[in-house]
Amino acid sequence: MDRSIKSKLGIGVIGTGPMGMHHLKGIRVHPRLELKAVCDINIESACAAAKEYGISSYYSDYRELIARSDIDLVIIATPDHFHSEQTIAALREGKHVLCEKPMALTLDECRAMIAESERTGKKLMIGQISRYAPSFVLVKKLIEEGYIGEMFFVESEYAHDYSELAGVGNWRKDPIILRQPFLGGGCHSVDLLRWIAGDPYEVAAYSNRKVLKDWPVDDCTIAIMRFPNDVIGKVLVSVGCKRNYTMRSVFYGDKGTIIADNTSSYITVYKESIAGEKSLFEGVQQQTVGMQIPVEPNHHNAFGEINDFVNIILNDLPVQTDGRQGAATVAACLAAVESAAKGEKVVVNYDF
């Protein structure tokens, strides 16, 4: 049957950890999706998720899930080092794939995933969820409309205490996997800035390890990036910080500034002048007046992401966060990791 006229698409979820559960919540309320099966190497976790979402099929081996003929698309929400293998296998089984960020841990893996998507003709979407946070969607709209004029500096931080978040089997701190926090978590901030300012072409980064001293990777990295149109950028990634989770981001233009994060109920906008309010602000430096614009604090808008992908599949539209977009974010992150290790600036490799 032509999928474009199906009333519902069958979907399976691989990985029933926290991010997988976010996706399951989005699937449950989507009118065009029917959850068919879930999978997790922890069979008890898979069983619990299946029971919670009212299905009888659950597996510990993802190959059993992707072999089902009643599944049209899969969501891969497993640890980073499984993304490439599982994505390629699902594409070969004729499934469309929404793969969680980061796309993969190496550019070679990204290239293989892109090649398989192109060979099979199946759509591949990378879960860059920050592009679906209402606050950041509004920021991008305002900037594109020229609300703050010409941008000259952008910054974003990924601050998230990983002290108790090493993952199942401590995979995030496994010295063999060597999952770099700037890629694994920082890809959120890097992708956000790429989405708004374009692809950074040069990176200079510094890192240290002052908190998670028993981890095999540095827990704090700051990267200075050069973007198109002579825009300068900065990304801070700290996974040992003692504070609440945030992706506080600031966008500076010659006519104004926007401060936003993905957990607050508003963004703050500053303008050089507030049109039509001369009497109210007489004698006041108007650029110091912050205007709070309400937004929904939805930092893991899985429904929005899934809804976008379903629409893309049903109407055969291009994927905005496709494999090449996912790989570009990986490339920029890896350049920062390389720069910090070498102590020199690095040109980003977008050869994929």
C-alpha atoms as a PDB file:
ATOM      1  CA  MET A   1       0.000   0.000   0.000  1.00  0.00           C
ATOM      2  CA  ASP A   2       1.212   3.528  -0.772  1.00  0.00           C
ATOM      3  CA  ARG A   3       2.323   4.979   2.549  1.00  0.00           C
ATOM      4  CA  SER A   4       1.089   8.414   1.494  1.00  0.00           C
ATOM      5  CA  ILE A   5      -2.510   7.190   1.845  1.00  0.00           C
ATOM      6  CA  LYS A   6      -2.082   5.089   4.969  1.00  0.00           C
ATOM      7  CA  SER A   7      -4.315   6.166   7.815  1.00  0.00           C
ATOM      8  CA  LYS A   8      -1.561   5.343  10.305  1.00  0.00           C
ATOM      9  CA  LEU A   9       2.127   4.523  10.212  1.00  0.00           C
ATOM     10  CA  GLY A  10       3.498   1.702  12.301  1.00  0.00           C
ATOM     11  CA  ILE A  11       6.343   2.785  14.543  1.00  0.00           C
ATOM     12  CA  GLY A  12       8.856   1.078  16.795  1.00  0.00           C
ATOM     13  CA  VAL A  13      11.133   2.585  19.431  1.00  0.00           C
ATOM     14  CA  ILE A  14      14.603   1.223  20.135  1.00  0.00           C
ATOM     15  CA  GLY A  15      15.799   2.340  23.555  1.00  0.00           C
ATOM     16  CA  THR A  16      13.398   2.864  26.462  1.00  0.00           C
ATOM     17  CA  GLY A  17      15.595   5.117  28.565  1.00  0.00           C
ATOM     18  CA  PRO A  18      14.652   8.738  29.358  1.00  0.00           C
ATOM     19  CA  MET A  19      14.802  10.001  25.757  1.00  0.00           C
ATOM     20  CA  GLY A  20      12.966   6.968  24.438  1.00  0.00           C
ATOM     21  CA  MET A  21      10.211   7.626  26.948  1.00  0.00           C
ATOM     22  CA  HIS A  22       9.952  11.247  25.745  1.00  0.00           C
ATOM     23  CA  HIS A  23       9.364   9.914  22.244  1.00  0.00           C
ATOM     24  CA  LEU A  24       6.812   7.374  23.451  1.00  0.00           C
ATOM     25  CA  LYS A  25       4.814  10.172  25.060  1.00  0.00           C
ATOM     26  CA  GLY A  26       4.790  12.016  21.749  1.00  0.00           C
ATOM     27  CA  ILE A  27       3.782   8.904  19.824  1.00  0.00           C
ATOM     28  CA  ARG A  28       0.874   8.171  22.131  1.00  0.00           C
ATOM     29  CA  VAL A  29      -0.908  11.426  21.260  1.00  0.00           C
ATOM     30  CA  HIS A  30      -0.105  11.436  17.548  1.00  0.00           C
ATOM     31  CA  PRO A  31      -3.159  10.647  15.396  1.00  0.00           C
ATOM     32  CA  ARG A  32      -1.179   9.193  12.490  1.00  0.00           C
ATOM     33  CA  LEU A  33       1.044   6.783  14.436  1.00  0.00           C
ATOM     34  CA  GLU A  34       0.450   3.335  15.862  1.00  0.00           C
ATOM     35  CA  LEU A  35       3.049   2.013  18.279  1.00  0.00           C
ATOM     36  CA  LYS A  36       3.853  -1.576  17.331  1.00  0.00           C
ATOM     37  CA  ALA A  37       6.855  -2.548  19.459  1.00  0.00           C
ATOM     38  CA  VAL A  38       9.607  -1.324  21.759  1.00  0.00           C
ATOM     39  CA  CYS A  39      13.100  -2.633  22.357  1.00  0.00           C
ATOM     40  CA  ASP A  40      15.803  -2.296  24.987  1.00  0.00           C
ATOM     41  CA  ILE A  41      18.774  -4.491  25.904  1.00  0.00           C
ATOM     42  CA  ASN A  42      17.297  -4.344  29.398  1.00  0.00           C
ATOM     43  CA  ILE A  43      14.285  -6.532  28.750  1.00  0.00           C
ATOM     44  CA  GLU A  44      12.629  -5.449  31.987  1.00  0.00           C
ATOM     45  CA  SER A  45      12.751  -1.829  30.838  1.00  0.00           C
ATOM     46  CA  ALA A  46      11.286  -2.798  27.455  1.00  0.00           C
ATOM     47  CA  CYS A  47       8.543  -4.827  29.149  1.00  0.00           C
ATOM     48  CA  ALA A  48       7.642  -1.951  31.479  1.00  0.00           C
ATOM     49  CA  ALA A  49       7.442   0.499  28.562  1.00  0.00           C
ATOM     50  CA  ALA A  50       5.284  -1.884  26.539  1.00  0.00           C
ATOM     51  CA  LYS A  51       2.924  -2.331  29.453  1.00  0.00           C
ATOM     52  CA  GLU A  52       2.699   1.411  30.103  1.00  0.00           C
ATOM     53  CA  TYR A  53       1.854   2.134  26.464  1.00  0.00           C
ATOM     54  CA  GLY A  54      -0.561  -0.728  26.006  1.00  0.00           C
ATOM     55  CA  ILE A  55       1.267  -3.010  23.572  1.00  0.00           C
ATOM     56  CA  SER A  56       2.298  -6.643  23.836  1.00  0.00           C
ATOM     57  CA  SER A  57       5.434  -6.671  21.691  1.00  0.00           C
ATOM     58  CA  TYR A  58       8.810  -5.909  23.212  1.00  0.00           C
ATOM     59  CA  TYR A  59      12.308  -7.144  22.488  1.00  0.00           C
ATOM     60  CA  SER A  60      15.863  -7.077  23.795  1.00  0.00           C
ATOM     61  CA  ASP A  61      17.330  -7.459  20.281  1.00  0.00           C
ATOM     62  CA  TYR A  62      16.664  -4.527  17.965  1.00  0.00           C
ATOM     63  CA  ARG A  63      16.998  -6.792  14.913  1.00  0.00           C
ATOM     64  CA  GLU A  64      13.733  -8.481  15.819  1.00  0.00           C
ATOM     65  CA  LEU A  65      11.937  -5.145  15.921  1.00  0.00           C
ATOM     66  CA  ILE A  66      13.223  -3.809  12.601  1.00  0.00           C
ATOM     67  CA  ALA A  67      12.399  -7.110  10.871  1.00  0.00           C
ATOM     68  CA  ARG A  68       8.668  -6.570  11.400  1.00  0.00           C
ATOM     69  CA  SER A  69       6.743  -5.773   8.231  1.00  0.00           C
ATOM     70  CA  ASP A  70       4.145  -3.683  10.086  1.00  0.00           C
ATOM     71  CA  ILE A  71       6.702  -1.081  11.158  1.00  0.00           C
ATOM     72  CA  ASP A  72       7.256   1.821   8.767  1.00  0.00           C
ATOM     73  CA  LEU A  73       9.609   3.907  10.847  1.00  0.00           C
ATOM     74  CA  VAL A  74      11.760   3.524  13.921  1.00  0.00           C
ATOM     75  CA  ILE A  75      13.111   5.863  16.536  1.00  0.00           C
ATOM     76  CA  ILE A  76      16.603   5.083  17.766  1.00  0.00           C
ATOM     77  CA  ALA A  77      17.095   6.417  21.285  1.00  0.00           C
ATOM     78  CA  THR A  78      20.006   4.275  22.400  1.00  0.00           C
ATOM     79  CA  PRO A  79      23.490   5.241  23.650  1.00  0.00           C
ATOM     80  CA  ASP A  80      25.505   7.208  21.093  1.00  0.00           C
ATOM     81  CA  HIS A  81      27.866   4.420  20.068  1.00  0.00           C
ATOM     82  CA  PHE A  82      24.978   2.259  18.829  1.00  0.00           C
ATOM     83  CA  HIS A  83      23.471   4.880  16.515  1.00  0.00           C
ATOM     84  CA  SER A  84      25.376   4.076  13.348  1.00  0.00           C
ATOM     85  CA  GLU A  85      24.958   0.290  13.473  1.00  0.00           C
ATOM     86  CA  GLN A  86      21.263   0.409  14.339  1.00  0.00           C
ATOM     87  CA  THR A  87      20.415   3.189  11.881  1.00  0.00           C
ATOM     88  CA  ILE A  88      22.093   1.423   8.971  1.00  0.00           C
ATOM     89  CA  ALA A  89      20.409  -1.888   9.846  1.00  0.00           C
ATOM     90  CA  ALA A  90      16.968  -0.242  10.053  1.00  0.00           C
ATOM     91  CA  LEU A  91      17.426   1.565   6.734  1.00  0.00           C
ATOM     92  CA  ARG A  92      18.392  -1.728   5.097  1.00  0.00           C
ATOM     93  CA  GLU A  93      15.173  -3.242   6.417  1.00  0.00           C
ATOM     94  CA  GLY A  94      13.228  -0.535   4.595  1.00  0.00           C
ATOM     95  CA  LYS A  95      12.446   1.653   7.589  1.00  0.00           C
ATOM     96  CA  HIS A  96      12.565   5.416   7.843  1.00  0.00           C
ATOM     97  CA  VAL A  97      14.699   6.391  10.827  1.00  0.00           C
ATOM     98  CA  LEU A  98      14.643   9.151  13.420  1.00  0.00           C
ATOM     99  CA  CYS A  99      17.997   8.789  15.150  1.00  0.00           C
ATOM    100  CA  GLU A 100      18.719  10.623  18.368  1.00  0.00           C
ATOM    101  CA  LYS A 101      21.564  13.106  18.591  1.00  0.00           C
ATOM    102  CA  PRO A 102      24.492  13.037  18.279  1.00  0.00           C
ATOM    103  CA  MET A 103      24.240  11.323  14.909  1.00  0.00           C
ATOM    104  CA  ALA A 104      27.354   9.246  15.621  1.00  0.00           C
ATOM    105  CA  LEU A 105      30.724   9.483  17.336  1.00  0.00           C
ATOM    106  CA  THR A 106      32.843   9.686  14.165  1.00  0.00           C
ATOM    107  CA  LEU A 107      32.525  11.267  10.739  1.00  0.00           C
ATOM    108  CA  ASP A 108      33.138   7.903   9.093  1.00  0.00           C
ATOM    109  CA  GLU A 109      30.048   6.545  10.836  1.00  0.00           C
ATOM    110  CA  CYS A 110      28.082   9.606   9.723  1.00  0.00           C
ATOM    111  CA  ARG A 111      29.197   9.071   6.129  1.00  0.00           C
ATOM    112  CA  ALA A 112      28.060   5.434   6.248  1.00  0.00           C
ATOM    113  CA  MET A 113      24.641   6.436   7.592  1.00  0.00           C
ATOM    114  CA  ILE A 114      24.190   9.091   4.905  1.00  0.00           C
ATOM    115  CA  ALA A 115      25.231   6.660   2.180  1.00  0.00           C
ATOM    116  CA  GLU A 116      22.742   4.020   3.354  1.00  0.00           C
ATOM    117  CA  SER A 117      19.890   6.523   3.489  1.00  0.00           C
ATOM    118  CA  GLU A 118      20.677   7.657  -0.040  1.00  0.00           C
ATOM    119  CA  ARG A 119      21.097   4.076  -1.306  1.00  0.00           C
ATOM    120  CA  THR A 120      17.796   2.843   0.134  1.00  0.00           C
ATOM    121  CA  GLY A 121      15.813   6.027  -0.468  1.00  0.00           C
ATOM    122  CA  LYS A 122      14.581   5.915   3.122  1.00  0.00           C
ATOM    123  CA  LYS A 123      14.428   9.113   5.106  1.00  0.00           C
ATOM    124  CA  LEU A 124      16.880   9.749   7.899  1.00  0.00           C
ATOM    125  CA  MET A 125      16.197  12.421  10.488  1.00  0.00           C
ATOM    126  CA  ILE A 126      18.596  13.338  13.291  1.00  0.00           C
ATOM    127  CA  GLY A 127      16.945  14.298  16.570  1.00  0.00           C
ATOM    128  CA  GLN A 128      18.269  17.819  17.028  1.00  0.00           C
ATOM    129  CA  ILE A 129      15.542  18.592  19.512  1.00  0.00           C
ATOM    130  CA  SER A 130      16.679  22.156  20.265  1.00  0.00           C
ATOM    131  CA  ARG A 131      15.261  23.189  16.895  1.00  0.00           C
ATOM    132  CA  TYR A 132      11.822  22.321  18.264  1.00  0.00           C
ATOM    133  CA  ALA A 133      12.074  24.203  21.577  1.00  0.00           C
ATOM    134  CA  PRO A 134       9.464  27.009  21.345  1.00  0.00           C
ATOM    135  CA  SER A 135      11.914  29.581  22.724  1.00  0.00           C
ATOM    136  CA  PHE A 136      14.561  28.870  20.093  1.00  0.00           C
ATOM    137  CA  VAL A 137      11.995  28.685  17.293  1.00  0.00           C
ATOM    138  CA  LEU A 138      10.883  32.199  18.254  1.00  0.00           C
ATOM    139  CA  VAL A 139      14.489  33.414  18.466  1.00  0.00           C
ATOM    140  CA  LYS A 140      15.198  32.205  14.945  1.00  0.00           C
ATOM    141  CA  LYS A 141      12.028  33.844  13.627  1.00  0.00           C
ATOM    142  CA  LEU A 142      12.871  37.206  15.200  1.00  0.00           C
ATOM    143  CA  ILE A 143      16.429  37.135  13.889  1.00  0.00           C
ATOM    144  CA  GLU A 144      15.317  36.202  10.378  1.00  0.00           C
ATOM    145  CA  GLU A 145      12.824  39.083  10.449  1.00  0.00           C
ATOM    146  CA  GLY A 146      15.697  41.445  11.247  1.00  0.00           C
ATOM    147  CA  TYR A 147      14.425  42.250  14.725  1.00  0.00           C
ATOM    148  CA  ILE A 148      17.918  42.650  16.220  1.00  0.00           C
ATOM    149  CA  GLY A 149      19.607  43.768  13.024  1.00  0.00           C
ATOM    150  CA  GLU A 150      22.866  42.259  11.856  1.00  0.00           C
ATOM    151  CA  MET A 151      24.257  39.609  14.190  1.00  0.00           C
ATOM    152  CA  PHE A 152      27.845  39.912  15.324  1.00  0.00           C
ATOM    153  CA  PHE A 153      28.116  37.490  18.264  1.00  0.00           C
ATOM    154  CA  VAL A 154      26.256  34.347  19.336  1.00  0.00           C
ATOM    155  CA  GLU A 155      26.763  32.100  22.320  1.00  0.00           C
ATOM    156  CA  SER A 156      25.188  29.039  23.868  1.00  0.00           C
ATOM    157  CA  GLU A 157      25.939  26.907  26.878  1.00  0.00           C
ATOM    158  CA  TYR A 158      25.145  23.303  27.673  1.00  0.00           C
ATOM    159  CA  ALA A 159      25.296  23.091  31.452  1.00  0.00           C
ATOM    160  CA  HIS A 160      24.222  19.712  32.779  1.00  0.00           C
ATOM    161  CA  ASP A 161      25.577  17.927  35.832  1.00  0.00           C
ATOM    162  CA  TYR A 162      26.438  14.361  34.770  1.00  0.00           C
ATOM    163  CA  SER A 163      27.689  13.283  38.208  1.00  0.00           C
ATOM    164  CA  GLU A 164      24.795  10.847  38.540  1.00  0.00           C
ATOM    165  CA  LEU A 165      24.141  10.463  34.810  1.00  0.00           C
ATOM    166  CA  ALA A 166      26.840   8.109  33.579  1.00  0.00           C
ATOM    167  CA  GLY A 167      24.166   5.981  31.900  1.00  0.00           C
ATOM    168  CA  VAL A 168      23.325   2.301  32.004  1.00  0.00           C
ATOM    169  CA  GLY A 169      26.547   0.414  32.595  1.00  0.00           C
ATOM    170  CA  ASN A 170      28.349   3.764  32.968  1.00  0.00           C
ATOM    171  CA  TRP A 171      28.654   4.016  29.190  1.00  0.00           C
ATOM    172  CA  ARG A 172      29.182   7.785  29.221  1.00  0.00           C
ATOM    173  CA  LYS A 173      32.384   7.344  31.237  1.00  0.00           C
ATOM    174  CA  ASP A 174      33.601   4.176  29.510  1.00  0.00           C
ATOM    175  CA  PRO A 175      37.267   4.709  28.483  1.00  0.00           C
ATOM    176  CA  ILE A 176      36.806   2.459  25.449  1.00  0.00           C
ATOM    177  CA  ILE A 177      33.786   4.314  24.072  1.00  0.00           C
ATOM    178  CA  LEU A 178      35.402   7.650  25.030  1.00  0.00           C
ATOM    179  CA  ARG A 179      32.239   9.657  24.561  1.00  0.00           C
ATOM    180  CA  GLN A 180      33.246  13.313  24.464  1.00  0.00           C
ATOM    181  CA  PRO A 181      30.793  15.572  26.369  1.00  0.00           C
ATOM    182  CA  PHE A 182      31.262  18.374  23.849  1.00  0.00           C
ATOM    183  CA  LEU A 183      29.849  16.043  21.196  1.00  0.00           C
ATOM    184  CA  GLY A 184      27.432  13.973  23.265  1.00  0.00           C
ATOM    185  CA  GLY A 185      25.712  16.860  25.055  1.00  0.00           C
ATOM    186  CA  GLY A 186      27.256  19.962  23.570  1.00  0.00           C
ATOM    187  CA  CYS A 187      25.932  19.055  20.136  1.00  0.00           C
ATOM    188  CA  HIS A 188      22.661  20.670  21.287  1.00  0.00           C
ATOM    189  CA  SER A 189      24.298  24.090  21.606  1.00  0.00           C
ATOM    190  CA  VAL A 190      26.455  23.679  18.511  1.00  0.00           C
ATOM    191  CA  ASP A 191      23.484  22.639  16.388  1.00  0.00           C
ATOM    192  CA  LEU A 192      21.426  25.555  17.703  1.00  0.00           C
ATOM    193  CA  LEU A 193      24.099  28.056  16.671  1.00  0.00           C
ATOM    194  CA  ARG A 194      24.567  26.322  13.306  1.00  0.00           C
ATOM    195  CA  TRP A 195      20.819  26.550  12.711  1.00  0.00           C
ATOM    196  CA  ILE A 196      20.761  30.274  13.404  1.00  0.00           C
ATOM    197  CA  ALA A 197      24.228  31.527  12.370  1.00  0.00           C
ATOM    198  CA  GLY A 198      25.362  28.957   9.790  1.00  0.00           C
ATOM    199  CA  ASP A 199      28.244  26.484   9.722  1.00  0.00           C
ATOM    200  CA  PRO A 200      31.279  27.519  11.781  1.00  0.00           C
ATOM    201  CA  TYR A 201      34.429  27.124   9.712  1.00  0.00           C
ATOM    202  CA  GLU A 202      37.149  27.520  12.343  1.00  0.00           C
ATOM    203  CA  VAL A 203      37.325  26.548  16.021  1.00  0.00           C
ATOM    204  CA  ALA A 204      39.692  27.272  18.900  1.00  0.00           C
ATOM    205  CA  ALA A 205      38.898  25.427  22.124  1.00  0.00           C
ATOM    206  CA  TYR A 206      40.204  24.850  25.638  1.00  0.00           C
ATOM    207  CA  SER A 207      39.150  22.186  28.120  1.00  0.00           C
ATOM    208  CA  ASN A 208      39.840  20.914  31.626  1.00  0.00           C
ATOM    209  CA  ARG A 209      38.694  18.320  34.157  1.00  0.00           C
ATOM    210  CA  LYS A 210      38.149  19.761  37.608  1.00  0.00           C
ATOM    211  CA  VAL A 211      34.979  18.005  38.734  1.00  0.00           C
ATOM    212  CA  LEU A 212      34.467  14.539  37.185  1.00  0.00           C
ATOM    213  CA  LYS A 213      38.039  13.532  37.881  1.00  0.00           C
ATOM    214  CA  ASP A 214      37.369   9.799  37.536  1.00  0.00           C
ATOM    215  CA  TRP A 215      36.003  10.238  33.997  1.00  0.00           C
ATOM    216  CA  PRO A 216      38.315   9.624  31.019  1.00  0.00           C
ATOM    217  CA  VAL A 217      37.310  12.872  29.277  1.00  0.00           C
ATOM    218  CA  ASP A 218      37.421  16.562  30.166  1.00  0.00           C
ATOM    219  CA  ASP A 219      34.233  17.787  31.813  1.00  0.00           C
ATOM    220  CA  CYS A 220      34.458  21.441  30.744  1.00  0.00           C
ATOM    221  CA  THR A 221      35.171  22.847  27.283  1.00  0.00           C
ATOM    222  CA  ILE A 222      34.871  26.341  25.882  1.00  0.00           C
ATOM    223  CA  ALA A 223      35.047  26.792  22.108  1.00  0.00           C
ATOM    224  CA  ILE A 224      35.365  30.003  20.144  1.00  0.00           C
ATOM    225  CA  MET A 225      33.986  29.646  16.638  1.00  0.00           C
ATOM    226  CA  ARG A 226      34.040  31.734  13.482  1.00  0.00           C
ATOM    227  CA  PHE A 227      30.767  31.729  11.553  1.00  0.00           C
ATOM    228  CA  PRO A 228      29.827  33.080   8.101  1.00  0.00           C
ATOM    229  CA  ASN A 229      29.337  36.841   7.667  1.00  0.00           C
ATOM    230  CA  ASP A 230      32.079  37.569  10.218  1.00  0.00           C
ATOM    231  CA  VAL A 231      29.951  36.389  13.154  1.00  0.00           C
ATOM    232  CA  ILE A 232      31.880  35.225  16.219  1.00  0.00           C
ATOM    233  CA  GLY A 233      30.490  32.501  18.476  1.00  0.00           C
ATOM    234  CA  LYS A 234      31.156  30.789  21.767  1.00  0.00           C
ATOM    235  CA  VAL A 235      29.971  27.451  23.141  1.00  0.00           C
ATOM    236  CA  LEU A 236      30.450  26.398  26.759  1.00  0.00           C
ATOM    237  CA  VAL A 237      29.907  22.764  27.696  1.00  0.00           C
ATOM    238  CA  SER A 238      30.103  21.730  31.340  1.00  0.00           C
ATOM    239  CA  VAL A 239      28.935  18.326  32.513  1.00  0.00           C
ATOM    240  CA  GLY A 240      30.307  18.636  36.034  1.00  0.00           C
ATOM    241  CA  CYS A 241      28.778  22.015  36.921  1.00  0.00           C
ATOM    242  CA  LYS A 242      26.776  22.372  40.115  1.00  0.00           C
ATOM    243  CA  ARG A 243      23.646  24.096  38.867  1.00  0.00           C
ATOM    244  CA  ASN A 244      20.327  23.431  37.152  1.00  0.00           C
ATOM    245  CA  TYR A 245      20.268  22.178  33.567  1.00  0.00           C
ATOM    246  CA  THR A 246      20.210  24.975  31.018  1.00  0.00           C
ATOM    247  CA  MET A 247      20.955  25.896  27.456  1.00  0.00           C
ATOM    248  CA  ARG A 248      21.139  29.624  28.054  1.00  0.00           C
ATOM    249  CA  SER A 249      21.894  31.294  24.729  1.00  0.00           C
ATOM    250  CA  VAL A 250      22.440  34.910  23.703  1.00  0.00           C
ATOM    251  CA  PHE A 251      22.233  36.496  20.263  1.00  0.00           C
ATOM    252  CA  TYR A 252      23.734  39.936  19.726  1.00  0.00           C
ATOM    253  CA  GLY A 253      22.808  42.193  16.806  1.00  0.00           C
ATOM    254  CA  ASP A 254      23.572  45.808  16.009  1.00  0.00           C
ATOM    255  CA  LYS A 255      19.934  46.727  16.771  1.00  0.00           C
ATOM    256  CA  GLY A 256      19.225  44.506  19.751  1.00  0.00           C
ATOM    257  CA  THR A 257      19.947  41.414  21.837  1.00  0.00           C
ATOM    258  CA  ILE A 258      17.969  38.253  22.625  1.00  0.00           C
ATOM    259  CA  ILE A 259      18.554  36.082  25.687  1.00  0.00           C
ATOM    260  CA  ALA A 260      16.836  32.705  25.711  1.00  0.00           C
ATOM    261  CA  ASP A 261      17.042  29.227  27.134  1.00  0.00           C
ATOM    262  CA  ASN A 262      14.991  26.083  26.732  1.00  0.00           C
ATOM    263  CA  THR A 263      13.579  25.838  30.254  1.00  0.00           C
ATOM    264  CA  SER A 264      12.167  29.325  30.944  1.00  0.00           C
ATOM    265  CA  SER A 265       8.652  30.565  30.194  1.00  0.00           C
ATOM    266  CA  TYR A 266       9.925  33.637  28.348  1.00  0.00           C
ATOM    267  CA  ILE A 267      12.745  35.047  26.259  1.00  0.00           C
ATOM    268  CA  THR A 268      14.207  38.486  26.961  1.00  0.00           C
ATOM    269  CA  VAL A 269      14.667  41.025  24.187  1.00  0.00           C
ATOM    270  CA  TYR A 270      16.596  44.293  24.313  1.00  0.00           C
ATOM    271  CA  LYS A 271      16.300  46.927  21.580  1.00  0.00           C
ATOM    272  CA  GLU A 272      18.225  50.129  20.941  1.00  0.00           C
ATOM    273  CA  SER A 273      14.870  51.908  20.971  1.00  0.00           C
ATOM    274  CA  ILE A 274      11.301  50.869  21.694  1.00  0.00           C
ATOM    275  CA  ALA A 275       9.159  52.287  18.909  1.00  0.00           C
ATOM    276  CA  GLY A 276       6.093  54.310  19.854  1.00  0.00           C
ATOM    277  CA  GLU A 277       6.969  54.630  23.556  1.00  0.00           C
ATOM    278  CA  LYS A 278       8.991  57.842  23.618  1.00  0.00           C
ATOM    279  CA  SER A 279       7.030  59.509  26.416  1.00  0.00           C
ATOM    280  CA  LEU A 280       7.060  56.461  28.651  1.00  0.00           C
ATOM    281  CA  PHE A 281      10.816  56.025  28.292  1.00  0.00           C
ATOM    282  CA  GLU A 282      11.792  59.687  28.281  1.00  0.00           C
ATOM    283  CA  GLY A 283      15.213  60.036  29.870  1.00  0.00           C
ATOM    284  CA  VAL A 284      15.664  56.253  29.988  1.00  0.00           C
ATOM    285  CA  GLN A 285      18.344  54.385  28.087  1.00  0.00           C
ATOM    286  CA  GLN A 286      15.969  52.152  26.172  1.00  0.00           C
ATOM    287  CA  GLN A 287      18.558  49.501  25.347  1.00  0.00           C
ATOM    288  CA  THR A 288      18.620  48.641  29.070  1.00  0.00           C
ATOM    289  CA  VAL A 289      14.913  47.787  29.149  1.00  0.00           C
ATOM    290  CA  GLY A 290      14.352  44.049  28.831  1.00  0.00           C
ATOM    291  CA  MET A 291      11.091  42.905  27.267  1.00  0.00           C
ATOM    292  CA  GLN A 292       9.947  39.438  28.309  1.00  0.00           C
ATOM    293  CA  ILE A 293       8.086  37.553  25.591  1.00  0.00           C
ATOM    294  CA  PRO A 294       6.168  34.485  26.857  1.00  0.00           C
ATOM    295  CA  VAL A 295       6.989  31.042  25.408  1.00  0.00           C
ATOM    296  CA  GLU A 296       6.166  27.473  26.291  1.00  0.00           C
ATOM    297  CA  PRO A 297       9.064  25.955  28.313  1.00  0.00           C
ATOM    298  CA  ASN A 298       9.206  22.712  26.321  1.00  0.00           C
ATOM    299  CA  HIS A 299      12.868  21.726  26.059  1.00  0.00           C
ATOM    300  CA  HIS A 300      12.191  18.175  24.860  1.00  0.00           C
ATOM    301  CA  ASN A 301       9.425  18.757  22.339  1.00  0.00           C
ATOM    302  CA  ALA A 302       9.410  15.187  21.066  1.00  0.00           C
ATOM    303  CA  PHE A 303       5.882  15.513  19.707  1.00  0.00           C
ATOM    304  CA  GLY A 304       6.884  18.469  17.535  1.00  0.00           C
ATOM    305  CA  GLU A 305       9.857  16.580  16.189  1.00  0.00           C
ATOM    306  CA  ILE A 306       7.883  13.397  15.539  1.00  0.00           C
ATOM    307  CA  ASN A 307       5.011  15.324  13.963  1.00  0.00           C
ATOM    308  CA  ASP A 308       7.452  16.969  11.576  1.00  0.00           C
ATOM    309  CA  PHE A 309       8.936  13.616  10.576  1.00  0.00           C
ATOM    310  CA  VAL A 310       5.523  12.016  10.022  1.00  0.00           C
ATOM    311  CA  ASN A 311       4.520  14.903   7.768  1.00  0.00           C
ATOM    312  CA  ILE A 312       7.789  14.554   5.857  1.00  0.00           C
ATOM    313  CA  ILE A 313       7.244  10.835   5.314  1.00  0.00           C
ATOM    314  CA  LEU A 314       3.578  11.068   4.338  1.00  0.00           C
ATOM    315  CA  ASN A 315       4.163  13.922   1.894  1.00  0.00           C
ATOM    316  CA  ASP A 316       7.632  12.887   0.692  1.00  0.00           C
ATOM    317  CA  LEU A 317       9.239  16.147   1.783  1.00  0.00           C
ATOM    318  CA  PRO A 318      12.934  16.843   2.387  1.00  0.00           C
ATOM    319  CA  VAL A 319      14.210  16.343   5.928  1.00  0.00           C
ATOM    320  CA  GLN A 320      15.526  19.574   7.434  1.00  0.00           C
ATOM    321  CA  THR A 321      17.686  17.802  10.025  1.00  0.00           C
ATOM    322  CA  ASP A 322      18.850  15.051   7.676  1.00  0.00           C
ATOM    323  CA  GLY A 323      22.082  13.074   7.805  1.00  0.00           C
ATOM    324  CA  ARG A 324      24.154  15.864   6.331  1.00  0.00           C
ATOM    325  CA  GLN A 325      22.857  18.323   8.906  1.00  0.00           C
ATOM    326  CA  GLY A 326      23.543  15.837  11.672  1.00  0.00           C
ATOM    327  CA  ALA A 327      27.026  15.179  10.334  1.00  0.00           C
ATOM    328  CA  ALA A 328      27.778  18.906  10.116  1.00  0.00           C
ATOM    329  CA  THR A 329      27.033  19.284  13.821  1.00  0.00           C
ATOM    330  CA  VAL A 330      29.241  16.280  14.598  1.00  0.00           C
ATOM    331  CA  ALA A 331      32.015  17.784  12.472  1.00  0.00           C
ATOM    332  CA  ALA A 332      31.923  21.113  14.335  1.00  0.00           C
ATOM    333  CA  CYS A 333      31.918  19.345  17.711  1.00  0.00           C
ATOM    334  CA  LEU A 334      34.825  17.079  16.788  1.00  0.00           C
ATOM    335  CA  ALA A 335      36.795  20.111  15.593  1.00  0.00           C
ATOM    336  CA  ALA A 336      36.427  21.621  19.070  1.00  0.00           C
ATOM    337  CA  VAL A 337      37.552  18.386  20.723  1.00  0.00           C
ATOM    338  CA  GLU A 338      40.560  18.235  18.399  1.00  0.00           C
ATOM    339  CA  SER A 339      41.433  21.868  19.018  1.00  0.00           C
ATOM    340  CA  ALA A 340      41.372  21.440  22.795  1.00  0.00           C
ATOM    341  CA  ALA A 341      43.579  18.346  22.528  1.00  0.00           C
ATOM    342  CA  LYS A 342      46.121  19.967  20.197  1.00  0.00           C
ATOM    343  CA  GLY A 343      46.088  23.445  21.664  1.00  0.00           C
ATOM    344  CA  GLU A 344      45.606  25.055  18.264  1.00  0.00           C
ATOM    345  CA  LYS A 345      42.752  26.252  16.102  1.00  0.00           C
ATOM    346  CA  VAL A 346      41.160  23.739  13.752  1.00  0.00           C
ATOM    347  CA  VAL A 347      39.351  24.136  10.432  1.00  0.00           C
ATOM    348  CA  VAL A 348      36.064  22.218  10.457  1.00  0.00           C
ATOM    349  CA  ASN A 349      35.911  19.250   8.060  1.00  0.00           C
ATOM    350  CA  TYR A 350      32.581  19.151   6.223  1.00  0.00           C
ATOM    351  CA  ASP A 351      33.656  16.449   3.795  1.00  0.00           C
ATOM    352  CA  PHE A 352      30.804  13.931   3.924  1.00  0.00           C
END
